[in-house]
Amino acid sequence: MSTLRYAVVQVADEWRVISSRHQLGRFPSRDQAIELGAGFARQALASGHSVELVVQGGCGELVAQDLPPVHESAP
């Protein structure tokens, strides 16, 4: 099984989440895009896939990221 890759990249003044075949969303902030990308990555992991999440750094390089913890809503 191949690795599913999700990338968070900046395009002009917005952040996008993309995979090998789809653009998954556009966001005003990097953090919002990372949260969505991590959510897709977690779903893929739960389905048994190998996953990689990469985020564009300040110089344009793509940096592999550990999945951030899930934010739980307050009761």
PDB file of N, CA and C in Angstrom:
ATOM      1  N   MET A   1       0.851  -1.172   0.000  1.00  0.00           N
ATOM      2  CA  MET A   1       0.000   0.000   0.000  1.00  0.00           C
ATOM      3  C   MET A   1       0.902   1.241   0.000  1.00  0.00           C
ATOM      4  N   SER A   2       0.585   2.200  -0.835  1.00  0.00           N
ATOM      5  CA  SER A   2       1.397   3.409  -0.919  1.00  0.00           C
ATOM      6  C   SER A   2       1.051   4.386   0.209  1.00  0.00           C
ATOM      7  N   THR A   3       1.957   5.312   0.451  1.00  0.00           N
ATOM      8  CA  THR A   3       1.763   6.322   1.488  1.00  0.00           C
ATOM      9  C   THR A   3       0.864   7.435   0.969  1.00  0.00           C
ATOM     10  N   LEU A   4      -0.140   7.803   1.756  1.00  0.00           N
ATOM     11  CA  LEU A   4      -0.989   8.948   1.425  1.00  0.00           C
ATOM     12  C   LEU A   4      -0.301  10.189   1.965  1.00  0.00           C
ATOM     13  N   ARG A   5      -0.150  11.192   1.129  1.00  0.00           N
ATOM     14  CA  ARG A   5       0.523  12.416   1.535  1.00  0.00           C
ATOM     15  C   ARG A   5      -0.457  13.579   1.502  1.00  0.00           C
ATOM     16  N   TYR A   6      -0.412  14.352   2.569  1.00  0.00           N
ATOM     17  CA  TYR A   6      -1.203  15.580   2.668  1.00  0.00           C
ATOM     18  C   TYR A   6      -0.218  16.716   2.865  1.00  0.00           C
ATOM     19  N   ALA A   7      -0.412  17.803   2.115  1.00  0.00           N
ATOM     20  CA  ALA A   7       0.495  18.942   2.191  1.00  0.00           C
ATOM     21  C   ALA A   7      -0.289  20.206   2.509  1.00  0.00           C
ATOM     22  N   VAL A   8       0.303  21.022   3.376  1.00  0.00           N
ATOM     23  CA  VAL A   8      -0.249  22.338   3.711  1.00  0.00           C
ATOM     24  C   VAL A   8       0.707  23.358   3.102  1.00  0.00           C
ATOM     25  N   VAL A   9       0.203  24.114   2.121  1.00  0.00           N
ATOM     26  CA  VAL A   9       1.055  25.064   1.401  1.00  0.00           C
ATOM     27  C   VAL A   9       0.392  26.432   1.323  1.00  0.00           C
ATOM     28  N   GLN A  10       1.241  27.461   1.229  1.00  0.00           N
ATOM     29  CA  GLN A  10       0.730  28.823   1.098  1.00  0.00           C
ATOM     30  C   GLN A  10       0.711  29.197  -0.380  1.00  0.00           C
ATOM     31  N   VAL A  11      -0.430  29.748  -0.810  1.00  0.00           N
ATOM     32  CA  VAL A  11      -0.587  30.242  -2.169  1.00  0.00           C
ATOM     33  C   VAL A  11      -1.140  31.654  -2.033  1.00  0.00           C
ATOM     34  N   ALA A  12      -0.330  32.630  -2.407  1.00  0.00           N
ATOM     35  CA  ALA A  12      -0.683  34.044  -2.233  1.00  0.00           C
ATOM     36  C   ALA A  12      -0.982  34.310  -0.760  1.00  0.00           C
ATOM     37  N   ASP A  13      -2.185  34.769  -0.446  1.00  0.00           N
ATOM     38  CA  ASP A  13      -2.497  35.121   0.946  1.00  0.00           C
ATOM     39  C   ASP A  13      -3.360  34.080   1.655  1.00  0.00           C
ATOM     40  N   GLU A  14      -3.413  32.863   1.118  1.00  0.00           N
ATOM     41  CA  GLU A  14      -4.199  31.813   1.763  1.00  0.00           C
ATOM     42  C   GLU A  14      -3.388  30.529   1.889  1.00  0.00           C
ATOM     43  N   TRP A  15      -3.858  29.640   2.747  1.00  0.00           N
ATOM     44  CA  TRP A  15      -3.226  28.335   2.951  1.00  0.00           C
ATOM     45  C   TRP A  15      -4.145  27.268   2.381  1.00  0.00           C
ATOM     46  N   ARG A  16      -3.554  26.279   1.715  1.00  0.00           N
ATOM     47  CA  ARG A  16      -4.333  25.213   1.096  1.00  0.00           C
ATOM     48  C   ARG A  16      -3.867  23.858   1.612  1.00  0.00           C
ATOM     49  N   VAL A  17      -4.809  22.932   1.652  1.00  0.00           N
ATOM     50  CA  VAL A  17      -4.504  21.545   1.974  1.00  0.00           C
ATOM     51  C   VAL A  17      -4.712  20.760   0.688  1.00  0.00           C
ATOM     52  N   ILE A  18      -3.670  20.046   0.275  1.00  0.00           N
ATOM     53  CA  ILE A  18      -3.759  19.277  -0.957  1.00  0.00           C
ATOM     54  C   ILE A  18      -3.285  17.848  -0.709  1.00  0.00           C
ATOM     55  N   SER A  19      -3.802  16.946  -1.516  1.00  0.00           N
ATOM     56  CA  SER A  19      -3.316  15.567  -1.524  1.00  0.00           C
ATOM     57  C   SER A  19      -2.869  15.294  -2.947  1.00  0.00           C
ATOM     58  N   SER A  20      -2.507  14.068  -3.227  1.00  0.00           N
ATOM     59  CA  SER A  20      -2.002  13.755  -4.563  1.00  0.00           C
ATOM     60  C   SER A  20      -3.037  13.983  -5.658  1.00  0.00           C
ATOM     61  N   ARG A  21      -4.310  13.914  -5.297  1.00  0.00           N
ATOM     62  CA  ARG A  21      -5.338  14.034  -6.332  1.00  0.00           C
ATOM     63  C   ARG A  21      -6.349  15.148  -6.100  1.00  0.00           C
ATOM     64  N   HIS A  22      -6.323  15.771  -4.920  1.00  0.00           N
ATOM     65  CA  HIS A  22      -7.380  16.718  -4.599  1.00  0.00           C
ATOM     66  C   HIS A  22      -6.851  17.948  -3.849  1.00  0.00           C
ATOM     67  N   GLN A  23      -7.523  19.054  -4.079  1.00  0.00           N
ATOM     68  CA  GLN A  23      -7.346  20.210  -3.216  1.00  0.00           C
ATOM     69  C   GLN A  23      -8.474  20.112  -2.197  1.00  0.00           C
ATOM     70  N   LEU A  24      -8.121  20.097  -0.913  1.00  0.00           N
ATOM     71  CA  LEU A  24      -9.099  19.787   0.125  1.00  0.00           C
ATOM     72  C   LEU A  24      -9.637  20.999   0.863  1.00  0.00           C
ATOM     73  N   GLY A  25      -9.075  22.158   0.645  1.00  0.00           N
ATOM     74  CA  GLY A  25      -9.605  23.338   1.308  1.00  0.00           C
ATOM     75  C   GLY A  25      -8.666  24.531   1.213  1.00  0.00           C
ATOM     76  N   ARG A  26      -9.246  25.705   1.434  1.00  0.00           N
ATOM     77  CA  ARG A  26      -8.500  26.971   1.439  1.00  0.00           C
ATOM     78  C   ARG A  26      -8.804  27.679   2.754  1.00  0.00           C
ATOM     79  N   PHE A  27      -7.759  28.220   3.379  1.00  0.00           N
ATOM     80  CA  PHE A  27      -7.919  28.793   4.712  1.00  0.00           C
ATOM     81  C   PHE A  27      -7.131  30.085   4.858  1.00  0.00           C
ATOM     82  N   PRO A  28      -7.622  31.004   5.704  1.00  0.00           N
ATOM     83  CA  PRO A  28      -6.897  32.259   5.926  1.00  0.00           C
ATOM     84  C   PRO A  28      -5.673  32.086   6.818  1.00  0.00           C
ATOM     85  N   SER A  29      -5.615  30.988   7.597  1.00  0.00           N
ATOM     86  CA  SER A  29      -4.468  30.819   8.496  1.00  0.00           C
ATOM     87  C   SER A  29      -3.817  29.448   8.321  1.00  0.00           C
ATOM     88  N   ARG A  30      -2.533  29.425   8.595  1.00  0.00           N
ATOM     89  CA  ARG A  30      -1.739  28.195   8.537  1.00  0.00           C
ATOM     90  C   ARG A  30      -2.277  27.176   9.543  1.00  0.00           C
ATOM     91  N   ASP A  31      -2.575  27.626  10.770  1.00  0.00           N
ATOM     92  CA  ASP A  31      -3.055  26.714  11.809  1.00  0.00           C
ATOM     93  C   ASP A  31      -4.356  26.025  11.416  1.00  0.00           C
ATOM     94  N   GLN A  32      -5.277  26.761  10.800  1.00  0.00           N
ATOM     95  CA  GLN A  32      -6.539  26.154  10.362  1.00  0.00           C
ATOM     96  C   GLN A  32      -6.280  25.071   9.312  1.00  0.00           C
ATOM     97  N   ALA A  33      -5.372  25.355   8.396  1.00  0.00           N
ATOM     98  CA  ALA A  33      -5.061  24.386   7.344  1.00  0.00           C
ATOM     99  C   ALA A  33      -4.393  23.141   7.923  1.00  0.00           C
ATOM    100  N   ILE A  34      -3.488  23.336   8.883  1.00  0.00           N
ATOM    101  CA  ILE A  34      -2.823  22.190   9.507  1.00  0.00           C
ATOM    102  C   ILE A  34      -3.841  21.325  10.241  1.00  0.00           C
ATOM    103  N   GLU A  35      -4.777  21.955  10.929  1.00  0.00           N
ATOM    104  CA  GLU A  35      -5.789  21.199  11.663  1.00  0.00           C
ATOM    105  C   GLU A  35      -6.606  20.318  10.712  1.00  0.00           C
ATOM    106  N   LEU A  36      -7.011  20.868   9.569  1.00  0.00           N
ATOM    107  CA  LEU A  36      -7.771  20.079   8.606  1.00  0.00           C
ATOM    108  C   LEU A  36      -6.914  18.972   8.003  1.00  0.00           C
ATOM    109  N   GLY A  37      -5.689  19.302   7.602  1.00  0.00           N
ATOM    110  CA  GLY A  37      -4.805  18.294   7.026  1.00  0.00           C
ATOM    111  C   GLY A  37      -4.535  17.159   7.998  1.00  0.00           C
ATOM    112  N   ALA A  38      -4.334  17.489   9.269  1.00  0.00           N
ATOM    113  CA  ALA A  38      -4.107  16.474  10.294  1.00  0.00           C
ATOM    114  C   ALA A  38      -5.349  15.597  10.472  1.00  0.00           C
ATOM    115  N   GLY A  39      -6.518  16.196  10.370  1.00  0.00           N
ATOM    116  CA  GLY A  39      -7.763  15.425  10.475  1.00  0.00           C
ATOM    117  C   GLY A  39      -7.880  14.393   9.365  1.00  0.00           C
ATOM    118  N   PHE A  40      -7.578  14.800   8.131  1.00  0.00           N
ATOM    119  CA  PHE A  40      -7.600  13.847   7.017  1.00  0.00           C
ATOM    120  C   PHE A  40      -6.558  12.750   7.234  1.00  0.00           C
ATOM    121  N   ALA A  41      -5.376  13.137   7.716  1.00  0.00           N
ATOM    122  CA  ALA A  41      -4.316  12.161   7.948  1.00  0.00           C
ATOM    123  C   ALA A  41      -4.728  11.151   9.021  1.00  0.00           C
ATOM    124  N   ARG A  42      -5.371  11.628  10.095  1.00  0.00           N
ATOM    125  CA  ARG A  42      -5.815  10.715  11.153  1.00  0.00           C
ATOM    126  C   ARG A  42      -6.858   9.726  10.640  1.00  0.00           C
ATOM    127  N   GLN A  43      -7.779  10.223   9.803  1.00  0.00           N
ATOM    128  CA  GLN A  43      -8.795   9.334   9.230  1.00  0.00           C
ATOM    129  C   GLN A  43      -8.141   8.253   8.378  1.00  0.00           C
ATOM    130  N   ALA A  44      -7.155   8.627   7.601  1.00  0.00           N
ATOM    131  CA  ALA A  44      -6.461   7.654   6.759  1.00  0.00           C
ATOM    132  C   ALA A  44      -5.701   6.637   7.617  1.00  0.00           C
ATOM    133  N   LEU A  45      -5.053   7.108   8.683  1.00  0.00           N
ATOM    134  CA  LEU A  45      -4.353   6.199   9.600  1.00  0.00           C
ATOM    135  C   LEU A  45      -5.321   5.200  10.221  1.00  0.00           C
ATOM    136  N   ALA A  46      -6.485   5.693  10.637  1.00  0.00           N
ATOM    137  CA  ALA A  46      -7.493   4.829  11.251  1.00  0.00           C
ATOM    138  C   ALA A  46      -7.985   3.764  10.274  1.00  0.00           C
ATOM    139  N   SER A  47      -7.872   4.045   8.987  1.00  0.00           N
ATOM    140  CA  SER A  47      -8.277   3.081   7.955  1.00  0.00           C
ATOM    141  C   SER A  47      -7.137   2.153   7.557  1.00  0.00           C
ATOM    142  N   GLY A  48      -5.988   2.296   8.215  1.00  0.00           N
ATOM    143  CA  GLY A  48      -4.878   1.397   7.964  1.00  0.00           C
ATOM    144  C   GLY A  48      -3.863   1.863   6.939  1.00  0.00           C
ATOM    145  N   HIS A  49      -3.967   3.093   6.484  1.00  0.00           N
ATOM    146  CA  HIS A  49      -3.028   3.615   5.494  1.00  0.00           C
ATOM    147  C   HIS A  49      -1.767   4.150   6.157  1.00  0.00           C
ATOM    148  N   SER A  50      -0.691   4.154   5.408  1.00  0.00           N
ATOM    149  CA  SER A  50       0.524   4.852   5.793  1.00  0.00           C
ATOM    150  C   SER A  50       0.321   6.315   5.384  1.00  0.00           C
ATOM    151  N   VAL A  51       0.672   7.262   6.276  1.00  0.00           N
ATOM    152  CA  VAL A  51       0.342   8.669   6.035  1.00  0.00           C
ATOM    153  C   VAL A  51       1.549   9.554   6.288  1.00  0.00           C
ATOM    154  N   GLU A  52       1.652  10.619   5.504  1.00  0.00           N
ATOM    155  CA  GLU A  52       2.661  11.650   5.739  1.00  0.00           C
ATOM    156  C   GLU A  52       1.969  13.010   5.639  1.00  0.00           C
ATOM    157  N   LEU A  53       2.226  13.871   6.626  1.00  0.00           N
ATOM    158  CA  LEU A  53       1.726  15.246   6.613  1.00  0.00           C
ATOM    159  C   LEU A  53       2.928  16.159   6.495  1.00  0.00           C
ATOM    160  N   VAL A  54       2.943  17.006   5.457  1.00  0.00           N
ATOM    161  CA  VAL A  54       4.033  17.966   5.276  1.00  0.00           C
ATOM    162  C   VAL A  54       3.451  19.367   5.258  1.00  0.00           C
ATOM    163  N   VAL A  55       4.242  20.310   5.808  1.00  0.00           N
ATOM    164  CA  VAL A  55       3.813  21.705   5.893  1.00  0.00           C
ATOM    165  C   VAL A  55       4.909  22.576   5.296  1.00  0.00           C
ATOM    166  N   GLN A  56       4.505  23.550   4.492  1.00  0.00           N
ATOM    167  CA  GLN A  56       5.456  24.469   3.879  1.00  0.00           C
ATOM    168  C   GLN A  56       6.083  25.349   4.951  1.00  0.00           C
ATOM    169  N   GLY A  57       7.406  25.402   4.955  1.00  0.00           N
ATOM    170  CA  GLY A  57       8.136  26.241   5.892  1.00  0.00           C
ATOM    171  C   GLY A  57       8.329  27.645   5.356  1.00  0.00           C
ATOM    172  N   GLY A  58       9.016  28.459   6.125  1.00  0.00           N
ATOM    173  CA  GLY A  58       9.221  29.861   5.792  1.00  0.00           C
ATOM    174  C   GLY A  58       9.990  30.118   4.504  1.00  0.00           C
ATOM    175  N   CYS A  59      10.836  29.176   4.098  1.00  0.00           N
ATOM    176  CA  CYS A  59      11.621  29.332   2.870  1.00  0.00           C
ATOM    177  C   CYS A  59      11.028  28.553   1.702  1.00  0.00           C
ATOM    178  N   GLY A  60       9.823  28.015   1.894  1.00  0.00           N
ATOM    179  CA  GLY A  60       9.149  27.281   0.833  1.00  0.00           C
ATOM    180  C   GLY A  60       9.361  25.783   0.866  1.00  0.00           C
ATOM    181  N   GLU A  61      10.235  25.305   1.755  1.00  0.00           N
ATOM    182  CA  GLU A  61      10.500  23.874   1.840  1.00  0.00           C
ATOM    183  C   GLU A  61       9.328  23.150   2.498  1.00  0.00           C
ATOM    184  N   LEU A  62       9.141  21.884   2.144  1.00  0.00           N
ATOM    185  CA  LEU A  62       8.104  21.065   2.764  1.00  0.00           C
ATOM    186  C   LEU A  62       8.737  20.262   3.886  1.00  0.00           C
ATOM    187  N   VAL A  63       8.184  20.402   5.092  1.00  0.00           N
ATOM    188  CA  VAL A  63       8.737  19.779   6.286  1.00  0.00           C
ATOM    189  C   VAL A  63       7.732  18.767   6.828  1.00  0.00           C
ATOM    190  N   ALA A  64       8.185  17.518   7.014  1.00  0.00           N
ATOM    191  CA  ALA A  64       7.321  16.482   7.575  1.00  0.00           C
ATOM    192  C   ALA A  64       6.952  16.852   9.008  1.00  0.00           C
ATOM    193  N   GLN A  65       5.690  16.627   9.365  1.00  0.00           N
ATOM    194  CA  GLN A  65       5.169  16.991  10.680  1.00  0.00           C
ATOM    195  C   GLN A  65       4.627  15.771  11.396  1.00  0.00           C
ATOM    196  N   ASP A  66       4.789  15.753  12.717  1.00  0.00           N
ATOM    197  CA  ASP A  66       4.056  14.794  13.531  1.00  0.00           C
ATOM    198  C   ASP A  66       2.613  15.273  13.566  1.00  0.00           C
ATOM    199  N   LEU A  67       1.688  14.363  13.693  1.00  0.00           N
ATOM    200  CA  LEU A  67       0.292  14.771  13.759  1.00  0.00           C
ATOM    201  C   LEU A  67       0.036  15.481  15.078  1.00  0.00           C
ATOM    202  N   PRO A  68      -0.525  16.703  15.035  1.00  0.00           N
ATOM    203  CA  PRO A  68      -0.841  17.392  16.281  1.00  0.00           C
ATOM    204  C   PRO A  68      -1.944  16.664  17.035  1.00  0.00           C
ATOM    205  N   PRO A  69      -2.003  16.844  18.359  1.00  0.00           N
ATOM    206  CA  PRO A  69      -3.058  16.168  19.141  1.00  0.00           C
ATOM    207  C   PRO A  69      -4.436  16.648  18.727  1.00  0.00           C
ATOM    208  N   VAL A  70      -5.418  15.789  18.950  1.00  0.00           N
ATOM    209  CA  VAL A  70      -6.805  16.128  18.652  1.00  0.00           C
ATOM    210  C   VAL A  70      -7.297  17.120  19.681  1.00  0.00           C
ATOM    211  N   HIS A  71      -7.928  18.202  19.237  1.00  0.00           N
ATOM    212  CA  HIS A  71      -8.524  19.182  20.146  1.00  0.00           C
ATOM    213  C   HIS A  71      -9.919  18.709  20.528  1.00  0.00           C
ATOM    214  N   GLU A  72     -10.125  18.538  21.801  1.00  0.00           N
ATOM    215  CA  GLU A  72     -11.441  18.099  22.260  1.00  0.00           C
ATOM    216  C   GLU A  72     -12.242  19.319  22.722  1.00  0.00           C
ATOM    217  N   SER A  73     -13.508  19.305  22.408  1.00  0.00           N
ATOM    218  CA  SER A  73     -14.359  20.433  22.819  1.00  0.00           C
ATOM    219  C   SER A  73     -14.678  20.330  24.304  1.00  0.00           C
ATOM    220  N   ALA A  74     -14.862  21.495  24.908  1.00  0.00           N
ATOM    221  CA  ALA A  74     -15.163  21.548  26.342  1.00  0.00           C
ATOM    222  C   ALA A  74     -16.578  21.037  26.591  1.00  0.00           C
ATOM    223  N   PRO A  75     -16.820  20.392  27.765  1.00  0.00           N
ATOM    224  CA  PRO A  75     -18.170  19.883  28.059  1.00  0.00           C
ATOM    225  C   PRO A  75     -19.171  20.993  28.274  1.00  0.00           C
TER     226      PRO A  75
END
